[in-house]
């Protein structure tokens, strides 16, 4: 499995790390017509846009349970994120995202898939 860490400076002169995994896929194998699958990245919470306003609040008990679990064993299931033109959009994982926020964690593990502007428009409908 290929892994790498990318350090990108932010505007406030701090840096954050992004680590990725190919999830077992070996680059350059298989037919050229296959699209690569999602990549697992550790992204800063403030780099993930949450474009949909929730129609209901998160369940506070579920968020607290997730906070307790994350403190003990870490996040077990990454949130799903769509990357369009270098911008990350989160459409699921609201309880996990809020648990990370409330714990004061700067990053969250994400399953990132690339999409087009048309894919983004579809998600926003």
PDB file of N, CA and C in Angstrom:
ATOM      1  N   UNK A   1       0.848  -1.168   0.000  1.00  0.00           N
ATOM      2  CA  UNK A   1       0.000   0.000   0.000  1.00  0.00           C
ATOM      3  C   UNK A   1       0.892   1.229   0.000  1.00  0.00           C
ATOM      4  N   UNK A   2       0.560   2.219  -0.816  1.00  0.00           N
ATOM      5  CA  UNK A   2       1.329   3.456  -0.891  1.00  0.00           C
ATOM      6  C   UNK A   2       0.757   4.465   0.099  1.00  0.00           C
ATOM      7  N   UNK A   3       1.602   5.101   0.867  1.00  0.00           N
ATOM      8  CA  UNK A   3       1.192   6.144   1.797  1.00  0.00           C
ATOM      9  C   UNK A   3       2.083   7.350   1.591  1.00  0.00           C
ATOM     10  N   UNK A   4       1.550   8.531   1.854  1.00  0.00           N
ATOM     11  CA  UNK A   4       2.367   9.716   1.816  1.00  0.00           C
ATOM     12  C   UNK A   4       1.792  10.745   2.761  1.00  0.00           C
ATOM     13  N   UNK A   5       2.623  11.699   3.155  1.00  0.00           N
ATOM     14  CA  UNK A   5       2.176  12.822   3.973  1.00  0.00           C
ATOM     15  C   UNK A   5       2.525  14.087   3.222  1.00  0.00           C
ATOM     16  N   UNK A   6       1.558  14.982   3.103  1.00  0.00           N
ATOM     17  CA  UNK A   6       1.733  16.236   2.398  1.00  0.00           C
ATOM     18  C   UNK A   6       1.559  17.360   3.399  1.00  0.00           C
ATOM     19  N   UNK A   7       2.524  18.242   3.521  1.00  0.00           N
ATOM     20  CA  UNK A   7       2.416  19.386   4.418  1.00  0.00           C
ATOM     21  C   UNK A   7       2.209  20.631   3.567  1.00  0.00           C
ATOM     22  N   UNK A   8       1.117  21.335   3.869  1.00  0.00           N
ATOM     23  CA  UNK A   8       0.763  22.526   3.107  1.00  0.00           C
ATOM     24  C   UNK A   8       0.671  23.689   4.082  1.00  0.00           C
ATOM     25  N   UNK A   9       1.386  24.793   3.852  1.00  0.00           N
ATOM     26  CA  UNK A   9       1.259  25.933   4.762  1.00  0.00           C
ATOM     27  C   UNK A   9      -0.105  26.583   4.624  1.00  0.00           C
ATOM     28  N   UNK A  10      -0.627  27.028   5.751  1.00  0.00           N
ATOM     29  CA  UNK A  10      -1.909  27.735   5.731  1.00  0.00           C
ATOM     30  C   UNK A  10      -1.644  29.223   5.801  1.00  0.00           C
ATOM     31  N   UNK A  11      -2.684  30.002   5.653  1.00  0.00           N
ATOM     32  CA  UNK A  11      -2.526  31.449   5.589  1.00  0.00           C
ATOM     33  C   UNK A  11      -2.033  32.047   6.905  1.00  0.00           C
ATOM     34  N   UNK A  12      -2.248  31.363   8.025  1.00  0.00           N
ATOM     35  CA  UNK A  12      -1.794  31.926   9.292  1.00  0.00           C
ATOM     36  C   UNK A  12      -0.416  31.398   9.689  1.00  0.00           C
ATOM     37  N   UNK A  13       0.346  30.940   8.715  1.00  0.00           N
ATOM     38  CA  UNK A  13       1.725  30.501   8.867  1.00  0.00           C
ATOM     39  C   UNK A  13       1.874  29.229   9.694  1.00  0.00           C
ATOM     40  N   UNK A  14       0.781  28.561  10.001  1.00  0.00           N
ATOM     41  CA  UNK A  14       0.868  27.234  10.589  1.00  0.00           C
ATOM     42  C   UNK A  14       0.807  26.254   9.434  1.00  0.00           C
ATOM     43  N   UNK A  15       1.158  25.014   9.686  1.00  0.00           N
ATOM     44  CA  UNK A  15       1.001  24.008   8.642  1.00  0.00           C
ATOM     45  C   UNK A  15       0.167  22.864   9.192  1.00  0.00           C
ATOM     46  N   UNK A  16      -0.445  22.122   8.301  1.00  0.00           N
ATOM     47  CA  UNK A  16      -1.189  20.946   8.695  1.00  0.00           C
ATOM     48  C   UNK A  16      -0.741  19.804   7.811  1.00  0.00           C
ATOM     49  N   UNK A  17      -0.963  18.596   8.287  1.00  0.00           N
ATOM     50  CA  UNK A  17      -0.568  17.411   7.536  1.00  0.00           C
ATOM     51  C   UNK A  17      -1.777  16.776   6.895  1.00  0.00           C
ATOM     52  N   UNK A  18      -1.580  16.277   5.708  1.00  0.00           N
ATOM     53  CA  UNK A  18      -2.585  15.474   5.031  1.00  0.00           C
ATOM     54  C   UNK A  18      -1.917  14.155   4.728  1.00  0.00           C
ATOM     55  N   UNK A  19      -2.488  13.066   5.225  1.00  0.00           N
ATOM     56  CA  UNK A  19      -1.940  11.768   4.883  1.00  0.00           C
ATOM     57  C   UNK A  19      -2.946  11.030   4.035  1.00  0.00           C
ATOM     58  N   UNK A  20      -2.450  10.232   3.129  1.00  0.00           N
ATOM     59  CA  UNK A  20      -3.350   9.550   2.205  1.00  0.00           C
ATOM     60  C   UNK A  20      -2.933   8.105   2.056  1.00  0.00           C
ATOM     61  N   UNK A  21      -3.889   7.314   1.682  1.00  0.00           N
ATOM     62  CA  UNK A  21      -3.660   5.912   1.408  1.00  0.00           C
ATOM     63  C   UNK A  21      -4.403   5.571   0.130  1.00  0.00           C
ATOM     64  N   UNK A  22      -3.843   4.691  -0.663  1.00  0.00           N
ATOM     65  CA  UNK A  22      -4.528   4.268  -1.879  1.00  0.00           C
ATOM     66  C   UNK A  22      -5.486   3.128  -1.594  1.00  0.00           C
ATOM     67  N   UNK A  23      -5.667   2.789  -0.315  1.00  0.00           N
ATOM     68  CA  UNK A  23      -6.603   1.738   0.092  1.00  0.00           C
ATOM     69  C   UNK A  23      -6.305   0.402  -0.574  1.00  0.00           C
ATOM     70  N   UNK A  24      -5.036   0.110  -0.749  1.00  0.00           N
ATOM     71  CA  UNK A  24      -4.652  -1.172  -1.309  1.00  0.00           C
ATOM     72  C   UNK A  24      -4.533  -1.176  -2.814  1.00  0.00           C
ATOM     73  N   UNK A  25      -4.998  -0.143  -3.471  1.00  0.00           N
ATOM     74  CA  UNK A  25      -4.893  -0.084  -4.927  1.00  0.00           C
ATOM     75  C   UNK A  25      -3.454   0.231  -5.299  1.00  0.00           C
ATOM     76  N   UNK A  26      -2.957  -0.442  -6.268  1.00  0.00           N
ATOM     77  CA  UNK A  26      -1.594  -0.209  -6.720  1.00  0.00           C
ATOM     78  C   UNK A  26      -1.666   0.635  -7.979  1.00  0.00           C
ATOM     79  N   UNK A  27      -1.078   1.863  -7.935  1.00  0.00           N
ATOM     80  CA  UNK A  27      -1.135   2.717  -9.118  1.00  0.00           C
ATOM     81  C   UNK A  27      -0.540   2.020 -10.327  1.00  0.00           C
ATOM     82  N   UNK A  28      -1.167   2.256 -11.460  1.00  0.00           N
ATOM     83  CA  UNK A  28      -0.623   1.701 -12.700  1.00  0.00           C
ATOM     84  C   UNK A  28      -1.055   0.270 -12.981  1.00  0.00           C
ATOM     85  N   UNK A  29      -1.913  -0.315 -12.135  1.00  0.00           N
ATOM     86  CA  UNK A  29      -2.376  -1.671 -12.403  1.00  0.00           C
ATOM     87  C   UNK A  29      -3.797  -1.625 -12.922  1.00  0.00           C
ATOM     88  N   UNK A  30      -4.212  -2.656 -13.548  1.00  0.00           N
ATOM     89  CA  UNK A  30      -5.580  -2.719 -14.064  1.00  0.00           C
ATOM     90  C   UNK A  30      -5.691  -2.001 -15.386  1.00  0.00           C
ATOM     91  N   UNK A  31      -6.919  -1.927 -15.895  1.00  0.00           N
ATOM     92  CA  UNK A  31      -7.110  -1.294 -17.192  1.00  0.00           C
ATOM     93  C   UNK A  31      -7.090   0.216 -17.050  1.00  0.00           C
ATOM     94  N   UNK A  32      -6.726   0.902 -18.077  1.00  0.00           N
ATOM     95  CA  UNK A  32      -6.657   2.352 -18.056  1.00  0.00           C
ATOM     96  C   UNK A  32      -8.016   3.012 -17.973  1.00  0.00           C
ATOM     97  N   UNK A  33      -9.101   2.268 -18.215  1.00  0.00           N
ATOM     98  CA  UNK A  33     -10.425   2.868 -18.199  1.00  0.00           C
ATOM     99  C   UNK A  33     -11.018   2.937 -16.790  1.00  0.00           C
ATOM    100  N   UNK A  34     -10.397   2.271 -15.827  1.00  0.00           N
ATOM    101  CA  UNK A  34     -10.933   2.288 -14.471  1.00  0.00           C
ATOM    102  C   UNK A  34     -10.563   3.584 -13.771  1.00  0.00           C
ATOM    103  N   UNK A  35     -11.564   4.156 -13.068  1.00  0.00           N
ATOM    104  CA  UNK A  35     -11.302   5.346 -12.274  1.00  0.00           C
ATOM    105  C   UNK A  35     -10.743   4.918 -10.926  1.00  0.00           C
ATOM    106  N   UNK A  36      -9.788   5.675 -10.376  1.00  0.00           N
ATOM    107  CA  UNK A  36      -9.314   5.345  -9.044  1.00  0.00           C
ATOM    108  C   UNK A  36     -10.429   5.588  -8.033  1.00  0.00           C
ATOM    109  N   UNK A  37     -10.443   4.800  -6.982  1.00  0.00           N
ATOM    110  CA  UNK A  37     -11.472   4.925  -5.955  1.00  0.00           C
ATOM    111  C   UNK A  37     -11.162   6.039  -4.975  1.00  0.00           C
ATOM    112  N   UNK A  38     -11.950   6.094  -3.908  1.00  0.00           N
ATOM    113  CA  UNK A  38     -11.737   7.120  -2.882  1.00  0.00           C
ATOM    114  C   UNK A  38     -10.373   6.970  -2.224  1.00  0.00           C
ATOM    115  N   UNK A  39      -9.889   8.057  -1.671  1.00  0.00           N
ATOM    116  CA  UNK A  39      -8.621   8.094  -0.954  1.00  0.00           C
ATOM    117  C   UNK A  39      -8.927   8.522   0.471  1.00  0.00           C
ATOM    118  N   UNK A  40      -8.230   7.950   1.437  1.00  0.00           N
ATOM    119  CA  UNK A  40      -8.402   8.339   2.827  1.00  0.00           C
ATOM    120  C   UNK A  40      -7.411   9.463   3.141  1.00  0.00           C
ATOM    121  N   UNK A  41      -7.940  10.612   3.594  1.00  0.00           N
ATOM    122  CA  UNK A  41      -7.121  11.771   3.944  1.00  0.00           C
ATOM    123  C   UNK A  41      -7.472  12.249   5.344  1.00  0.00           C
ATOM    124  N   UNK A  42      -6.514  12.791   6.040  1.00  0.00           N
ATOM    125  CA  UNK A  42      -6.728  13.483   7.315  1.00  0.00           C
ATOM    126  C   UNK A  42      -6.792  14.969   6.969  1.00  0.00           C
ATOM    127  N   UNK A  43      -8.003  15.547   7.021  1.00  0.00           N
ATOM    128  CA  UNK A  43      -8.199  16.939   6.601  1.00  0.00           C
ATOM    129  C   UNK A  43      -8.516  17.833   7.792  1.00  0.00           C
ATOM    130  N   UNK A  44      -8.066  19.091   7.737  1.00  0.00           N
ATOM    131  CA  UNK A  44      -8.457  20.054   8.769  1.00  0.00           C
ATOM    132  C   UNK A  44      -9.963  20.292   8.710  1.00  0.00           C
ATOM    133  N   UNK A  45     -10.598  20.352   9.875  1.00  0.00           N
ATOM    134  CA  UNK A  45     -12.043  20.581   9.917  1.00  0.00           C
ATOM    135  C   UNK A  45     -12.424  21.864   9.194  1.00  0.00           C
ATOM    136  N   UNK A  46     -11.597  22.899   9.338  1.00  0.00           N
ATOM    137  CA  UNK A  46     -11.955  24.184   8.741  1.00  0.00           C
ATOM    138  C   UNK A  46     -11.762  24.225   7.222  1.00  0.00           C
ATOM    139  N   UNK A  47     -11.265  23.147   6.635  1.00  0.00           N
ATOM    140  CA  UNK A  47     -11.127  23.073   5.171  1.00  0.00           C
ATOM    141  C   UNK A  47     -12.281  22.314   4.531  1.00  0.00           C
ATOM    142  N   UNK A  48     -13.216  21.819   5.352  1.00  0.00           N
ATOM    143  CA  UNK A  48     -14.355  21.060   4.835  1.00  0.00           C
ATOM    144  C   UNK A  48     -15.582  21.948   4.871  1.00  0.00           C
ATOM    145  N   UNK A  49     -16.141  22.205   3.704  1.00  0.00           N
ATOM    146  CA  UNK A  49     -17.362  23.013   3.625  1.00  0.00           C
ATOM    147  C   UNK A  49     -18.563  22.112   3.889  1.00  0.00           C
ATOM    148  N   UNK A  50     -19.509  22.629   4.642  1.00  0.00           N
ATOM    149  CA  UNK A  50     -20.745  21.902   4.956  1.00  0.00           C
ATOM    150  C   UNK A  50     -21.891  22.666   4.306  1.00  0.00           C
ATOM    151  N   UNK A  51     -22.126  22.486   2.979  1.00  0.00           N
ATOM    152  CA  UNK A  51     -23.033  23.363   2.244  1.00  0.00           C
ATOM    153  C   UNK A  51     -24.522  23.197   2.548  1.00  0.00           C
ATOM    154  N   UNK A  52     -24.916  22.094   3.106  1.00  0.00           N
ATOM    155  CA  UNK A  52     -26.343  21.884   3.353  1.00  0.00           C
ATOM    156  C   UNK A  52     -26.687  22.270   4.784  1.00  0.00           C
ATOM    157  N   UNK A  53     -27.652  23.119   4.928  1.00  0.00           N
ATOM    158  CA  UNK A  53     -28.133  23.462   6.265  1.00  0.00           C
ATOM    159  C   UNK A  53     -28.965  22.289   6.764  1.00  0.00           C
ATOM    160  N   UNK A  54     -28.707  21.891   7.969  1.00  0.00           N
ATOM    161  CA  UNK A  54     -29.456  20.757   8.521  1.00  0.00           C
ATOM    162  C   UNK A  54     -30.874  21.184   8.862  1.00  0.00           C
ATOM    163  N   UNK A  55     -31.801  20.297   8.613  1.00  0.00           N
ATOM    164  CA  UNK A  55     -33.190  20.582   8.962  1.00  0.00           C
ATOM    165  C   UNK A  55     -33.493  20.154  10.389  1.00  0.00           C
ATOM    166  N   UNK A  56     -32.563  19.419  10.998  1.00  0.00           N
ATOM    167  CA  UNK A  56     -32.728  19.012  12.392  1.00  0.00           C
ATOM    168  C   UNK A  56     -31.360  19.044  13.064  1.00  0.00           C
ATOM    169  N   UNK A  57     -31.376  19.156  14.364  1.00  0.00           N
ATOM    170  CA  UNK A  57     -30.115  19.185  15.118  1.00  0.00           C
ATOM    171  C   UNK A  57     -29.577  17.760  15.261  1.00  0.00           C
ATOM    172  N   UNK A  58     -28.255  17.656  15.451  1.00  0.00           N
ATOM    173  CA  UNK A  58     -27.659  16.359  15.740  1.00  0.00           C
ATOM    174  C   UNK A  58     -28.168  15.864  17.087  1.00  0.00           C
ATOM    175  N   UNK A  59     -28.231  14.559  17.249  1.00  0.00           N
ATOM    176  CA  UNK A  59     -28.620  13.933  18.509  1.00  0.00           C
ATOM    177  C   UNK A  59     -27.473  14.128  19.509  1.00  0.00           C
ATOM    178  N   UNK A  60     -27.677  14.918  20.585  1.00  0.00           N
ATOM    179  CA  UNK A  60     -26.585  15.200  21.522  1.00  0.00           C
ATOM    180  C   UNK A  60     -26.044  13.943  22.202  1.00  0.00           C
ATOM    181  N   UNK A  61     -26.892  12.939  22.425  1.00  0.00           N
ATOM    182  CA  UNK A  61     -26.413  11.690  23.032  1.00  0.00           C
ATOM    183  C   UNK A  61     -25.486  10.934  22.089  1.00  0.00           C
ATOM    184  N   UNK A  62     -25.836  10.922  20.808  1.00  0.00           N
ATOM    185  CA  UNK A  62     -24.987  10.252  19.824  1.00  0.00           C
ATOM    186  C   UNK A  62     -23.638  10.974  19.697  1.00  0.00           C
ATOM    187  N   UNK A  63     -23.686  12.307  19.699  1.00  0.00           N
ATOM    188  CA  UNK A  63     -22.441  13.079  19.619  1.00  0.00           C
ATOM    189  C   UNK A  63     -21.569  12.787  20.842  1.00  0.00           C
ATOM    190  N   UNK A  64     -22.165  12.757  22.033  1.00  0.00           N
ATOM    191  CA  UNK A  64     -21.403  12.480  23.255  1.00  0.00           C
ATOM    192  C   UNK A  64     -20.817  11.073  23.223  1.00  0.00           C
ATOM    193  N   UNK A  65     -21.603  10.090  22.772  1.00  0.00           N
ATOM    194  CA  UNK A  65     -21.089   8.718  22.653  1.00  0.00           C
ATOM    195  C   UNK A  65     -19.907   8.664  21.690  1.00  0.00           C
ATOM    196  N   UNK A  66     -20.018   9.370  20.585  1.00  0.00           N
ATOM    197  CA  UNK A  66     -18.915   9.417  19.623  1.00  0.00           C
ATOM    198  C   UNK A  66     -17.690  10.100  20.220  1.00  0.00           C
ATOM    199  N   UNK A  67     -17.900  11.178  20.976  1.00  0.00           N
ATOM    200  CA  UNK A  67     -16.776  11.861  21.625  1.00  0.00           C
ATOM    201  C   UNK A  67     -16.049  10.908  22.569  1.00  0.00           C
ATOM    202  N   UNK A  68     -16.800  10.165  23.363  1.00  0.00           N
ATOM    203  CA  UNK A  68     -16.197   9.201  24.291  1.00  0.00           C
ATOM    204  C   UNK A  68     -15.410   8.134  23.535  1.00  0.00           C
ATOM    205  N   UNK A  69     -15.997   7.630  22.457  1.00  0.00           N
ATOM    206  CA  UNK A  69     -15.343   6.598  21.659  1.00  0.00           C
ATOM    207  C   UNK A  69     -14.078   7.135  20.981  1.00  0.00           C
ATOM    208  N   UNK A  70     -14.181   8.328  20.409  1.00  0.00           N
ATOM    209  CA  UNK A  70     -13.029   8.917  19.713  1.00  0.00           C
ATOM    210  C   UNK A  70     -11.889   9.165  20.693  1.00  0.00           C
ATOM    211  N   UNK A  71     -12.216   9.603  21.910  1.00  0.00           N
ATOM    212  CA  UNK A  71     -11.175   9.809  22.934  1.00  0.00           C
ATOM    213  C   UNK A  71     -10.471   8.495  23.267  1.00  0.00           C
ATOM    214  N   UNK A  72     -11.230   7.401  23.312  1.00  0.00           N
ATOM    215  CA  UNK A  72     -10.664   6.111  23.706  1.00  0.00           C
ATOM    216  C   UNK A  72      -9.939   5.401  22.574  1.00  0.00           C
ATOM    217  N   UNK A  73     -10.590   5.302  21.414  1.00  0.00           N
ATOM    218  CA  UNK A  73     -10.019   4.466  20.346  1.00  0.00           C
ATOM    219  C   UNK A  73      -9.843   5.184  19.018  1.00  0.00           C
ATOM    220  N   UNK A  74     -10.196   6.459  18.963  1.00  0.00           N
ATOM    221  CA  UNK A  74     -10.066   7.200  17.714  1.00  0.00           C
ATOM    222  C   UNK A  74     -11.265   6.980  16.811  1.00  0.00           C
ATOM    223  N   UNK A  75     -11.306   7.732  15.736  1.00  0.00           N
ATOM    224  CA  UNK A  75     -12.390   7.629  14.764  1.00  0.00           C
ATOM    225  C   UNK A  75     -12.242   6.324  13.990  1.00  0.00           C
ATOM    226  N   UNK A  76     -13.279   5.518  13.981  1.00  0.00           N
ATOM    227  CA  UNK A  76     -13.225   4.211  13.322  1.00  0.00           C
ATOM    228  C   UNK A  76     -13.710   4.247  11.876  1.00  0.00           C
ATOM    229  N   UNK A  77     -14.625   5.152  11.563  1.00  0.00           N
ATOM    230  CA  UNK A  77     -15.179   5.227  10.210  1.00  0.00           C
ATOM    231  C   UNK A  77     -15.000   6.652   9.693  1.00  0.00           C
ATOM    232  N   UNK A  78     -14.221   6.835   8.632  1.00  0.00           N
ATOM    233  CA  UNK A  78     -14.022   8.180   8.091  1.00  0.00           C
ATOM    234  C   UNK A  78     -15.332   8.775   7.576  1.00  0.00           C
ATOM    235  N   UNK A  79     -15.405  10.110   7.564  1.00  0.00           N
ATOM    236  CA  UNK A  79     -16.566  10.759   6.967  1.00  0.00           C
ATOM    237  C   UNK A  79     -16.364  10.790   5.455  1.00  0.00           C
ATOM    238  N   UNK A  80     -17.461  10.905   4.710  1.00  0.00           N
ATOM    239  CA  UNK A  80     -17.392  10.970   3.252  1.00  0.00           C
ATOM    240  C   UNK A  80     -17.302  12.428   2.822  1.00  0.00           C
ATOM    241  N   UNK A  81     -16.348  12.708   1.942  1.00  0.00           N
ATOM    242  CA  UNK A  81     -16.115  14.069   1.462  1.00  0.00           C
ATOM    243  C   UNK A  81     -15.976  14.031  -0.052  1.00  0.00           C
ATOM    244  N   UNK A  82     -16.559  15.028  -0.701  1.00  0.00           N
ATOM    245  CA  UNK A  82     -16.437  15.191  -2.150  1.00  0.00           C
ATOM    246  C   UNK A  82     -15.463  16.327  -2.411  1.00  0.00           C
ATOM    247  N   UNK A  83     -14.448  16.076  -3.238  1.00  0.00           N
ATOM    248  CA  UNK A  83     -13.471  17.113  -3.607  1.00  0.00           C
ATOM    249  C   UNK A  83     -13.764  17.560  -5.031  1.00  0.00           C
ATOM    250  N   UNK A  84     -14.030  18.855  -5.186  1.00  0.00           N
ATOM    251  CA  UNK A  84     -14.295  19.444  -6.500  1.00  0.00           C
ATOM    252  C   UNK A  84     -13.362  20.637  -6.664  1.00  0.00           C
ATOM    253  N   UNK A  85     -12.478  20.553  -7.640  1.00  0.00           N
ATOM    254  CA  UNK A  85     -11.533  21.640  -7.925  1.00  0.00           C
ATOM    255  C   UNK A  85     -10.763  22.080  -6.682  1.00  0.00           C
ATOM    256  N   UNK A  86     -10.321  21.128  -5.880  1.00  0.00           N
ATOM    257  CA  UNK A  86      -9.499  21.431  -4.708  1.00  0.00           C
ATOM    258  C   UNK A  86     -10.266  21.891  -3.478  1.00  0.00           C
ATOM    259  N   UNK A  87     -11.584  21.906  -3.540  1.00  0.00           N
ATOM    260  CA  UNK A  87     -12.421  22.308  -2.402  1.00  0.00           C
ATOM    261  C   UNK A  87     -13.138  21.066  -1.894  1.00  0.00           C
ATOM    262  N   UNK A  88     -13.154  20.890  -0.556  1.00  0.00           N
ATOM    263  CA  UNK A  88     -13.740  19.705   0.054  1.00  0.00           C
ATOM    264  C   UNK A  88     -15.137  20.018   0.589  1.00  0.00           C
ATOM    265  N   UNK A  89     -16.109  19.155   0.235  1.00  0.00           N
ATOM    266  CA  UNK A  89     -17.494  19.319   0.648  1.00  0.00           C
ATOM    267  C   UNK A  89     -17.930  18.086   1.420  1.00  0.00           C
ATOM    268  N   UNK A  90     -18.435  18.300   2.634  1.00  0.00           N
ATOM    269  CA  UNK A  90     -18.932  17.200   3.454  1.00  0.00           C
ATOM    270  C   UNK A  90     -20.435  17.155   3.428  1.00  0.00           C
ATOM    271  N   UNK A  91     -20.991  15.990   3.081  1.00  0.00           N
ATOM    272  CA  UNK A  91     -22.438  15.834   3.016  1.00  0.00           C
ATOM    273  C   UNK A  91     -22.942  14.781   3.998  1.00  0.00           C
ATOM    274  N   UNK A  92     -22.038  14.087   4.668  1.00  0.00           N
ATOM    275  CA  UNK A  92     -22.442  13.072   5.640  1.00  0.00           C
ATOM    276  C   UNK A  92     -21.456  13.113   6.805  1.00  0.00           C
ATOM    277  N   UNK A  93     -21.722  12.306   7.819  1.00  0.00           N
ATOM    278  CA  UNK A  93     -20.818  12.268   8.971  1.00  0.00           C
ATOM    279  C   UNK A  93     -21.007  13.436   9.912  1.00  0.00           C
ATOM    280  N   UNK A  94     -22.224  13.975   9.975  1.00  0.00           N
ATOM    281  CA  UNK A  94     -22.477  15.179  10.780  1.00  0.00           C
ATOM    282  C   UNK A  94     -22.187  14.974  12.260  1.00  0.00           C
ATOM    283  N   UNK A  95     -22.567  13.821  12.803  1.00  0.00           N
ATOM    284  CA  UNK A  95     -22.319  13.558  14.226  1.00  0.00           C
ATOM    285  C   UNK A  95     -20.819  13.406  14.494  1.00  0.00           C
ATOM    286  N   UNK A  96     -20.114  12.703  13.602  1.00  0.00           N
ATOM    287  CA  UNK A  96     -18.661  12.525  13.769  1.00  0.00           C
ATOM    288  C   UNK A  96     -17.942  13.856  13.634  1.00  0.00           C
ATOM    289  N   UNK A  97     -18.378  14.686  12.676  1.00  0.00           N
ATOM    290  CA  UNK A  97     -17.790  16.009  12.476  1.00  0.00           C
ATOM    291  C   UNK A  97     -17.990  16.870  13.731  1.00  0.00           C
ATOM    292  N   UNK A  98     -19.214  16.897  14.270  1.00  0.00           N
ATOM    293  CA  UNK A  98     -19.476  17.691  15.469  1.00  0.00           C
ATOM    294  C   UNK A  98     -18.698  17.167  16.676  1.00  0.00           C
ATOM    295  N   UNK A  99     -18.566  15.847  16.792  1.00  0.00           N
ATOM    296  CA  UNK A  99     -17.788  15.282  17.898  1.00  0.00           C
ATOM    297  C   UNK A  99     -16.341  15.760  17.825  1.00  0.00           C
ATOM    298  N   UNK A 100     -15.763  15.782  16.636  1.00  0.00           N
ATOM    299  CA  UNK A 100     -14.386  16.276  16.472  1.00  0.00           C
ATOM    300  C   UNK A 100     -14.307  17.758  16.839  1.00  0.00           C
ATOM    301  N   UNK A 101     -15.294  18.538  16.400  1.00  0.00           N
ATOM    302  CA  UNK A 101     -15.307  19.962  16.739  1.00  0.00           C
ATOM    303  C   UNK A 101     -15.344  20.158  18.251  1.00  0.00           C
ATOM    304  N   UNK A 102     -16.254  19.471  18.909  1.00  0.00           N
ATOM    305  CA  UNK A 102     -16.427  19.640  20.354  1.00  0.00           C
ATOM    306  C   UNK A 102     -15.225  19.146  21.141  1.00  0.00           C
ATOM    307  N   UNK A 103     -14.497  18.166  20.595  1.00  0.00           N
ATOM    308  CA  UNK A 103     -13.272  17.695  21.244  1.00  0.00           C
ATOM    309  C   UNK A 103     -12.091  18.632  20.982  1.00  0.00           C
ATOM    310  N   UNK A 104     -12.276  19.581  20.086  1.00  0.00           N
ATOM    311  CA  UNK A 104     -11.196  20.508  19.760  1.00  0.00           C
ATOM    312  C   UNK A 104     -10.129  19.898  18.874  1.00  0.00           C
ATOM    313  N   UNK A 105     -10.484  18.837  18.158  1.00  0.00           N
ATOM    314  CA  UNK A 105      -9.518  18.189  17.267  1.00  0.00           C
ATOM    315  C   UNK A 105      -9.414  18.993  15.972  1.00  0.00           C
ATOM    316  N   UNK A 106      -8.211  19.230  15.488  1.00  0.00           N
ATOM    317  CA  UNK A 106      -8.055  20.080  14.303  1.00  0.00           C
ATOM    318  C   UNK A 106      -8.349  19.374  12.982  1.00  0.00           C
ATOM    319  N   UNK A 107      -8.251  18.036  12.966  1.00  0.00           N
ATOM    320  CA  UNK A 107      -8.429  17.298  11.714  1.00  0.00           C
ATOM    321  C   UNK A 107      -9.408  16.144  11.915  1.00  0.00           C
ATOM    322  N   UNK A 108      -9.866  15.612  10.793  1.00  0.00           N
ATOM    323  CA  UNK A 108     -10.741  14.439  10.805  1.00  0.00           C
ATOM    324  C   UNK A 108     -10.388  13.561   9.613  1.00  0.00           C
ATOM    325  N   UNK A 109     -10.458  12.242   9.812  1.00  0.00           N
ATOM    326  CA  UNK A 109     -10.157  11.306   8.727  1.00  0.00           C
ATOM    327  C   UNK A 109     -11.357  11.259   7.785  1.00  0.00           C
ATOM    328  N   UNK A 110     -11.073  11.388   6.484  1.00  0.00           N
ATOM    329  CA  UNK A 110     -12.117  11.484   5.466  1.00  0.00           C
ATOM    330  C   UNK A 110     -11.868  10.488   4.349  1.00  0.00           C
ATOM    331  N   UNK A 111     -12.951   9.944   3.822  1.00  0.00           N
ATOM    332  CA  UNK A 111     -12.889   9.166   2.587  1.00  0.00           C
ATOM    333  C   UNK A 111     -13.252  10.149   1.486  1.00  0.00           C
ATOM    334  N   UNK A 112     -12.256  10.542   0.709  1.00  0.00           N
ATOM    335  CA  UNK A 112     -12.421  11.603  -0.291  1.00  0.00           C
ATOM    336  C   UNK A 112     -12.553  10.986  -1.673  1.00  0.00           C
ATOM    337  N   UNK A 113     -13.579  11.404  -2.366  1.00  0.00           N
ATOM    338  CA  UNK A 113     -13.701  11.041  -3.773  1.00  0.00           C
ATOM    339  C   UNK A 113     -13.778  12.327  -4.575  1.00  0.00           C
ATOM    340  N   UNK A 114     -13.219  12.286  -5.750  1.00  0.00           N
ATOM    341  CA  UNK A 114     -13.233  13.463  -6.625  1.00  0.00           C
ATOM    342  C   UNK A 114     -14.513  13.494  -7.424  1.00  0.00           C
ATOM    343  N   UNK A 115     -14.968  14.708  -7.676  1.00  0.00           N
ATOM    344  CA  UNK A 115     -16.174  14.873  -8.472  1.00  0.00           C
ATOM    345  C   UNK A 115     -16.086  16.119  -9.318  1.00  0.00           C
ATOM    346  N   UNK A 116     -17.059  16.257 -10.169  1.00  0.00           N
ATOM    347  CA  UNK A 116     -17.146  17.427 -11.041  1.00  0.00           C
ATOM    348  C   UNK A 116     -18.115  18.426 -10.426  1.00  0.00           C
ATOM    349  N   UNK A 117     -18.190  19.597 -11.032  1.00  0.00           N
ATOM    350  CA  UNK A 117     -19.169  20.591 -10.584  1.00  0.00           C
ATOM    351  C   UNK A 117     -20.589  20.061 -10.751  1.00  0.00           C
ATOM    352  N   UNK A 118     -20.801  19.254 -11.767  1.00  0.00           N
ATOM    353  CA  UNK A 118     -22.120  18.647 -11.973  1.00  0.00           C
ATOM    354  C   UNK A 118     -22.448  17.684 -10.827  1.00  0.00           C
ATOM    355  N   UNK A 119     -21.473  16.912 -10.373  1.00  0.00           N
ATOM    356  CA  UNK A 119     -21.681  16.025  -9.226  1.00  0.00           C
ATOM    357  C   UNK A 119     -22.040  16.842  -7.995  1.00  0.00           C
ATOM    358  N   UNK A 120     -21.352  17.946  -7.793  1.00  0.00           N
ATOM    359  CA  UNK A 120     -21.645  18.825  -6.655  1.00  0.00           C
ATOM    360  C   UNK A 120     -23.066  19.370  -6.761  1.00  0.00           C
ATOM    361  N   UNK A 121     -23.454  19.828  -7.940  1.00  0.00           N
ATOM    362  CA  UNK A 121     -24.823  20.331  -8.132  1.00  0.00           C
ATOM    363  C   UNK A 121     -25.849  19.253  -7.797  1.00  0.00           C
ATOM    364  N   UNK A 122     -25.555  18.016  -8.178  1.00  0.00           N
ATOM    365  CA  UNK A 122     -26.457  16.909  -7.872  1.00  0.00           C
ATOM    366  C   UNK A 122     -26.609  16.736  -6.359  1.00  0.00           C
ATOM    367  N   UNK A 123     -25.513  16.825  -5.615  1.00  0.00           N
ATOM    368  CA  UNK A 123     -25.552  16.687  -4.153  1.00  0.00           C
ATOM    369  C   UNK A 123     -26.289  17.838  -3.495  1.00  0.00           C
ATOM    370  N   UNK A 124     -26.269  18.994  -4.113  1.00  0.00           N
ATOM    371  CA  UNK A 124     -26.915  20.175  -3.529  1.00  0.00           C
ATOM    372  C   UNK A 124     -28.416  20.228  -3.787  1.00  0.00           C
ATOM    373  N   UNK A 125     -28.910  19.393  -4.674  1.00  0.00           N
ATOM    374  CA  UNK A 125     -30.353  19.371  -4.982  1.00  0.00           C
ATOM    375  C   UNK A 125     -31.150  18.792  -3.849  1.00  0.00           C
TER     376      UNK A 125
END
